[in-house]
Amino acid sequence: MSRVRCHVEHIELDGDYGAVDGVRLTCSKCGHQTESFGTDGPSIRRCLALMNEECECGQNNFYVAEGQ
């Protein structure tokens, strides 16, 4: 299992009632992106978990946010 860094961006996402603050993580290995509502730790951890589930390369990596 490789340790793969993900770049974290703070973005605005379309919510049911307008724009909502969120995060987008980008895999440094393949460029795959995941998004989540919210900007704190649980939202980033959700994106990291999604990254592992949705890996387009079929790999099982340990994803970490940049700076962690």
C-alpha atoms as a PDB file:
ATOM      1  CA  MET A   1       0.000   0.000   0.000  1.00  0.00           C
ATOM      2  CA  SER A   2       1.551   3.265  -1.148  1.00  0.00           C
ATOM      3  CA  ARG A   3       1.213   6.599   0.625  1.00  0.00           C
ATOM      4  CA  VAL A   4      -0.128   9.122  -1.903  1.00  0.00           C
ATOM      5  CA  ARG A   5      -0.422  12.872  -1.288  1.00  0.00           C
ATOM      6  CA  CYS A   6      -3.506  14.806  -2.370  1.00  0.00           C
ATOM      7  CA  HIS A   7      -3.666  18.535  -3.083  1.00  0.00           C
ATOM      8  CA  VAL A   8      -6.450  20.328  -1.126  1.00  0.00           C
ATOM      9  CA  GLU A   9      -8.392  23.219  -2.675  1.00  0.00           C
ATOM     10  CA  HIS A  10     -11.094  25.250  -0.942  1.00  0.00           C
ATOM     11  CA  ILE A  11     -13.915  25.799  -3.442  1.00  0.00           C
ATOM     12  CA  GLU A  12     -17.586  26.717  -3.715  1.00  0.00           C
ATOM     13  CA  LEU A  13     -19.963  23.900  -4.595  1.00  0.00           C
ATOM     14  CA  ASP A  14     -23.564  24.117  -5.774  1.00  0.00           C
ATOM     15  CA  GLY A  15     -25.859  23.199  -2.902  1.00  0.00           C
ATOM     16  CA  ASP A  16     -29.637  22.880  -2.869  1.00  0.00           C
ATOM     17  CA  TYR A  17     -30.026  26.516  -1.818  1.00  0.00           C
ATOM     18  CA  GLY A  18     -27.036  28.177  -3.466  1.00  0.00           C
ATOM     19  CA  ALA A  19     -23.279  28.147  -3.126  1.00  0.00           C
ATOM     20  CA  VAL A  20     -21.716  26.166  -0.253  1.00  0.00           C
ATOM     21  CA  ASP A  21     -18.081  26.142   0.889  1.00  0.00           C
ATOM     22  CA  GLY A  22     -16.350  22.857   0.166  1.00  0.00           C
ATOM     23  CA  VAL A  23     -13.088  21.099  -0.604  1.00  0.00           C
ATOM     24  CA  ARG A  24     -11.680  19.368  -3.667  1.00  0.00           C
ATOM     25  CA  LEU A  25      -8.800  16.910  -3.366  1.00  0.00           C
ATOM     26  CA  THR A  26      -6.637  15.951  -6.339  1.00  0.00           C
ATOM     27  CA  CYS A  27      -4.513  12.789  -6.357  1.00  0.00           C
ATOM     28  CA  SER A  28      -0.848  13.583  -7.064  1.00  0.00           C
ATOM     29  CA  LYS A  29      -0.417  10.189  -8.725  1.00  0.00           C
ATOM     30  CA  CYS A  30      -3.265  10.040 -11.265  1.00  0.00           C
ATOM     31  CA  GLY A  31      -5.083  13.389 -11.035  1.00  0.00           C
ATOM     32  CA  HIS A  32      -8.438  11.948  -9.891  1.00  0.00           C
ATOM     33  CA  GLN A  33     -10.548  14.453  -7.925  1.00  0.00           C
ATOM     34  CA  THR A  34     -13.114  14.143  -5.137  1.00  0.00           C
ATOM     35  CA  GLU A  35     -15.288  16.869  -3.614  1.00  0.00           C
ATOM     36  CA  SER A  36     -17.135  17.313  -0.349  1.00  0.00           C
ATOM     37  CA  PHE A  37     -19.250  19.982   1.335  1.00  0.00           C
ATOM     38  CA  GLY A  38     -17.534  21.669   4.286  1.00  0.00           C
ATOM     39  CA  THR A  39     -13.939  22.779   4.741  1.00  0.00           C
ATOM     40  CA  ASP A  40     -12.799  21.176   8.002  1.00  0.00           C
ATOM     41  CA  GLY A  41     -11.210  17.839   8.935  1.00  0.00           C
ATOM     42  CA  PRO A  42     -14.212  15.523   8.467  1.00  0.00           C
ATOM     43  CA  SER A  43     -14.828  16.865   4.945  1.00  0.00           C
ATOM     44  CA  ILE A  44     -11.195  16.311   3.980  1.00  0.00           C
ATOM     45  CA  ARG A  45     -11.225  12.790   5.472  1.00  0.00           C
ATOM     46  CA  ARG A  46     -14.389  12.013   3.478  1.00  0.00           C
ATOM     47  CA  CYS A  47     -12.613  13.057   0.266  1.00  0.00           C
ATOM     48  CA  LEU A  48      -9.632  10.872   1.163  1.00  0.00           C
ATOM     49  CA  ALA A  49     -11.927   7.873   1.753  1.00  0.00           C
ATOM     50  CA  LEU A  50     -13.714   8.514  -1.545  1.00  0.00           C
ATOM     51  CA  MET A  51     -10.348   8.721  -3.279  1.00  0.00           C
ATOM     52  CA  ASN A  52      -9.547   5.177  -2.126  1.00  0.00           C
ATOM     53  CA  GLU A  53     -12.969   3.865  -3.224  1.00  0.00           C
ATOM     54  CA  GLU A  54     -12.932   5.591  -6.619  1.00  0.00           C
ATOM     55  CA  CYS A  55      -9.302   5.068  -7.656  1.00  0.00           C
ATOM     56  CA  GLU A  56      -9.325   4.902 -11.438  1.00  0.00           C
ATOM     57  CA  CYS A  57      -6.124   2.841 -11.478  1.00  0.00           C
ATOM     58  CA  GLY A  58      -7.656   0.070  -9.350  1.00  0.00           C
ATOM     59  CA  GLN A  59      -5.037   0.578  -6.647  1.00  0.00           C
ATOM     60  CA  ASN A  60      -5.477   0.436  -2.892  1.00  0.00           C
ATOM     61  CA  ASN A  61      -3.429   3.398  -1.640  1.00  0.00           C
ATOM     62  CA  PHE A  62      -3.219   5.307   1.654  1.00  0.00           C
ATOM     63  CA  TYR A  63      -4.191   8.868   0.728  1.00  0.00           C
ATOM     64  CA  VAL A  64      -3.088  11.862   2.822  1.00  0.00           C
ATOM     65  CA  ALA A  65      -3.849  15.551   2.432  1.00  0.00           C
ATOM     66  CA  GLU A  66      -0.894  17.815   1.710  1.00  0.00           C
ATOM     67  CA  GLY A  67       0.604  19.160   4.922  1.00  0.00           C
ATOM     68  CA  GLN A  68      -0.352  16.095   6.980  1.00  0.00           C
END
